[in-house]
Amino acid sequence: MIYNPGQKLIFACCMTVVLLAGCGYKTGSLILDDYRTIAIPVFRNEVYQEDIESYLTNSVIEEFQRDGSLIVSGKKNADLLLKGRITGWRRTGERFAGDEYREVVEYQLEITVVFDLMDQKTGDYLFKDLKISGNNTYFINPDIPASKRRSIPLEREQQTVIISKDIYESEKASMWRAAERISRQILQKVVERW
């Protein structure tokens, strides 16, 4: 074997780079050093919109399961307890059409959540009353008769019942997407707490 000082230098540089790449900064969560499990009870529905608490709770649980940083478990065995309440639900018209632009063809749905994160061993809150909002827009099919489109309440009349099944399905899909956005934000706040 021929001794080549250049090869030795290249080898030493490569090894230095490899060793340095494994040292130094740690990415990930500071919270995971102390906690392994989280309980997520059903969010409290303070806006009285049907099934919204189910959508949101299921979405948050799925997001934590997909991430895998914390294991979702029952309240009795969990290190952390995430309690949430739905405090806002607003539907506003975004685009209008028809005579004098009185018919709404696109809505924006916004959901607001407040949540707490508690260490169950110590009883200390890691987060208290943290507010997060998620929104999504959805279109109303222009083929739906105007009488059904008008049955959708504006923000000031949100207690009115939506008549059209198509409109109801569009709003449910929009609610699910808004819930997914909120879930990702909650996960990010809990897992990347710094």
Protein backbone atom coordinates (compact mmCIF):
# COMPACT_ATOMS: atom_id res chain seq x y z
CA MET A 1 0.00 0.00 0.00
CA ILE A 2 1.31 3.40 -0.94
CA TYR A 3 1.33 6.02 1.76
CA ASN A 4 -0.45 9.16 0.58
CA PRO A 5 -0.62 12.11 3.03
CA GLY A 6 -3.45 13.67 0.98
CA GLN A 7 -5.71 10.64 1.49
CA LYS A 8 -5.07 10.72 5.20
CA LEU A 9 -6.05 14.39 5.35
CA ILE A 10 -9.22 13.81 3.35
CA PHE A 11 -10.14 10.88 5.61
CA ALA A 12 -9.53 12.99 8.75
CA CYS A 13 -11.69 15.84 7.38
CA CYS A 14 -14.52 13.46 6.52
CA MET A 15 -14.45 11.89 9.98
CA THR A 16 -14.48 15.33 11.61
CA VAL A 17 -17.56 16.32 9.60
CA VAL A 18 -19.34 13.08 10.53
CA LEU A 19 -18.54 13.49 14.23
CA LEU A 20 -19.59 17.14 14.31
CA ALA A 21 -22.85 16.38 12.54
CA GLY A 22 -23.88 14.15 15.45
CA CYS A 23 -23.06 16.71 18.14
CA GLY A 24 -24.47 20.03 19.13
CA TYR A 25 -28.03 21.15 18.69
CA LYS A 26 -30.95 18.99 19.64
CA THR A 27 -34.08 19.41 17.60
CA GLY A 28 -37.47 18.43 18.91
CA SER A 29 -39.43 19.05 22.04
CA LEU A 30 -38.33 20.12 25.45
CA ILE A 31 -41.56 18.75 26.86
CA LEU A 32 -40.87 15.17 25.81
CA ASP A 33 -37.96 14.83 28.18
CA ASP A 34 -40.37 14.70 31.13
CA TYR A 35 -43.62 13.37 29.64
CA ARG A 36 -44.65 10.33 27.65
CA THR A 37 -48.49 10.22 27.71
CA ILE A 38 -51.36 12.66 27.30
CA ALA A 39 -55.09 12.45 28.04
CA ILE A 40 -57.50 14.41 25.85
CA PRO A 41 -61.06 14.42 27.20
CA VAL A 42 -63.93 15.64 25.02
CA PHE A 43 -63.76 19.40 24.52
CA ARG A 44 -66.55 21.37 26.17
CA ASN A 45 -68.97 22.89 23.66
CA GLU A 46 -69.78 26.45 24.77
CA VAL A 47 -71.18 27.53 21.39
CA TYR A 48 -73.95 24.93 21.13
CA GLN A 49 -73.19 23.89 17.56
CA GLU A 50 -74.11 20.27 17.06
CA ASP A 51 -71.22 17.75 17.03
CA ILE A 52 -68.48 20.39 16.96
CA GLU A 53 -66.92 18.97 20.15
CA SER A 54 -66.71 15.53 18.54
CA TYR A 55 -65.06 16.87 15.40
CA LEU A 56 -62.51 18.84 17.35
CA THR A 57 -61.67 16.24 20.00
CA ASN A 58 -61.27 13.47 17.42
CA SER A 59 -59.12 15.72 15.25
CA VAL A 60 -56.80 16.60 18.16
CA ILE A 61 -56.47 12.93 19.18
CA GLU A 62 -55.71 11.89 15.59
CA GLU A 63 -53.08 14.62 15.28
CA PHE A 64 -51.28 13.43 18.45
CA GLN A 65 -51.49 9.81 17.30
CA ARG A 66 -50.12 10.71 13.88
CA ASP A 67 -47.23 12.65 15.43
CA GLY A 68 -46.36 9.92 17.96
CA SER A 69 -44.37 12.18 20.30
CA LEU A 70 -46.86 11.59 23.10
CA ILE A 71 -49.04 8.53 23.53
CA VAL A 72 -52.74 9.30 23.93
CA SER A 73 -54.08 7.43 26.95
CA GLY A 74 -56.81 7.54 29.56
CA LYS A 75 -56.88 10.33 32.11
CA LYS A 76 -55.94 8.05 35.00
CA ASN A 77 -52.61 6.95 33.48
CA ALA A 78 -51.55 10.08 31.58
CA ASP A 79 -48.65 12.38 32.46
CA LEU A 80 -50.38 15.36 30.83
CA LEU A 81 -54.01 16.44 30.68
CA LEU A 82 -55.17 18.62 27.79
CA LYS A 83 -58.56 20.16 28.51
CA GLY A 84 -60.22 22.34 25.91
CA ARG A 85 -63.38 24.29 25.37
CA ILE A 86 -64.87 25.66 22.18
CA THR A 87 -65.57 29.32 22.84
CA GLY A 88 -66.25 30.69 19.38
CA TRP A 89 -68.04 29.62 16.22
CA ARG A 90 -68.68 32.19 13.52
CA ARG A 91 -69.94 31.94 9.97
CA THR A 92 -69.64 35.02 7.79
CA GLY A 93 -70.41 35.66 4.16
CA GLU A 94 -67.28 36.13 2.02
CA ARG A 95 -68.60 36.34 -1.56
CA PHE A 96 -71.97 37.44 -2.79
CA ALA A 97 -73.86 37.13 -6.08
CA GLY A 98 -77.30 37.62 -7.54
CA ASP A 99 -79.50 40.69 -7.54
CA GLU A 100 -77.81 43.45 -5.58
CA TYR A 101 -75.29 40.87 -4.34
CA ARG A 102 -77.66 39.58 -1.68
CA GLU A 103 -77.05 35.85 -2.18
CA VAL A 104 -74.07 34.38 -0.36
CA VAL A 105 -72.01 31.98 -2.48
CA GLU A 106 -68.99 31.59 -0.18
CA TYR A 107 -68.78 31.48 3.61
CA GLN A 108 -65.93 31.56 6.06
CA LEU A 109 -66.24 29.42 9.15
CA GLU A 110 -64.07 30.25 12.15
CA ILE A 111 -63.77 28.14 15.30
CA THR A 112 -62.04 29.37 18.45
CA VAL A 113 -60.73 27.09 21.19
CA VAL A 114 -59.22 27.77 24.59
CA PHE A 115 -57.16 24.99 26.17
CA ASP A 116 -55.12 24.17 29.26
CA LEU A 117 -52.27 21.70 29.57
CA MET A 118 -51.63 20.33 33.03
CA ASP A 119 -48.93 18.12 34.52
CA GLN A 120 -51.05 15.55 36.36
CA LYS A 121 -48.27 14.56 38.75
CA THR A 122 -47.64 18.05 40.11
CA GLY A 123 -50.93 19.78 39.25
CA ASP A 124 -48.99 22.61 37.60
CA TYR A 125 -50.25 24.15 34.37
CA LEU A 126 -47.84 24.26 31.46
CA PHE A 127 -50.42 26.33 29.55
CA LYS A 128 -53.48 28.05 30.91
CA ASP A 129 -56.25 29.58 28.78
CA LEU A 130 -54.28 29.44 25.54
CA LYS A 131 -56.50 30.65 22.69
CA ILE A 132 -56.30 29.22 19.15
CA SER A 133 -58.49 29.82 16.11
CA GLY A 134 -58.88 27.91 12.89
CA ASN A 135 -60.89 28.84 9.85
CA ASN A 136 -61.93 27.54 6.47
CA THR A 137 -63.99 28.82 3.57
CA TYR A 138 -66.58 26.88 1.66
CA PHE A 139 -68.69 27.55 -1.39
CA ILE A 140 -72.40 27.17 -1.83
CA ASN A 141 -73.30 25.40 -5.06
CA PRO A 142 -74.93 28.03 -7.34
CA ASP A 143 -77.30 25.33 -8.67
CA ILE A 144 -79.06 25.21 -5.30
CA PRO A 145 -82.28 27.22 -5.51
CA ALA A 146 -82.06 30.71 -4.07
CA SER A 147 -84.70 29.95 -1.45
CA LYS A 148 -82.43 27.28 0.06
CA ARG A 149 -79.36 29.53 -0.11
CA ARG A 150 -81.23 32.24 1.74
CA SER A 151 -82.08 29.76 4.48
CA ILE A 152 -78.43 29.85 5.58
CA PRO A 153 -78.22 32.31 8.44
CA LEU A 154 -75.78 35.16 8.47
CA GLU A 155 -73.64 35.75 11.52
CA ARG A 156 -76.36 37.67 13.38
CA GLU A 157 -78.87 34.80 12.95
CA GLN A 158 -76.75 31.75 13.62
CA GLN A 159 -79.46 29.86 15.48
CA THR A 160 -81.48 29.36 12.26
CA VAL A 161 -81.49 25.82 10.89
CA ILE A 162 -79.80 25.11 7.57
CA ILE A 163 -82.32 23.50 5.23
CA SER A 164 -80.33 22.18 2.28
CA LYS A 165 -78.46 18.88 2.74
CA ASP A 166 -75.81 20.05 0.23
CA ILE A 167 -75.17 23.19 2.25
CA TYR A 168 -75.06 21.21 5.49
CA GLU A 169 -72.51 18.77 4.04
CA SER A 170 -70.33 21.66 2.79
CA GLU A 171 -70.38 23.21 6.24
CA LYS A 172 -69.54 19.91 7.96
CA ALA A 173 -66.54 19.43 5.66
CA SER A 174 -65.44 22.99 6.36
CA MET A 175 -65.82 22.44 10.10
CA TRP A 176 -63.60 19.34 9.86
CA ARG A 177 -60.88 21.27 7.99
CA ALA A 178 -61.00 24.12 10.53
CA ALA A 179 -60.73 21.51 13.32
CA GLU A 180 -57.68 19.98 11.61
CA ARG A 181 -55.99 23.39 11.52
CA ILE A 182 -56.68 23.92 15.20
CA SER A 183 -55.39 20.41 15.98
CA ARG A 184 -52.09 21.05 14.24
CA GLN A 185 -51.66 24.30 16.18
CA ILE A 186 -52.43 22.60 19.49
CA LEU A 187 -49.94 19.81 18.74
CA GLN A 188 -47.32 22.35 17.78
CA LYS A 189 -47.85 24.34 21.00
CA VAL A 190 -47.64 21.21 23.18
CA VAL A 191 -44.81 19.34 21.48
CA GLU A 192 -42.68 22.31 20.44
CA ARG A 193 -43.04 24.22 23.69
CA TRP A 194 -40.19 26.71 23.32
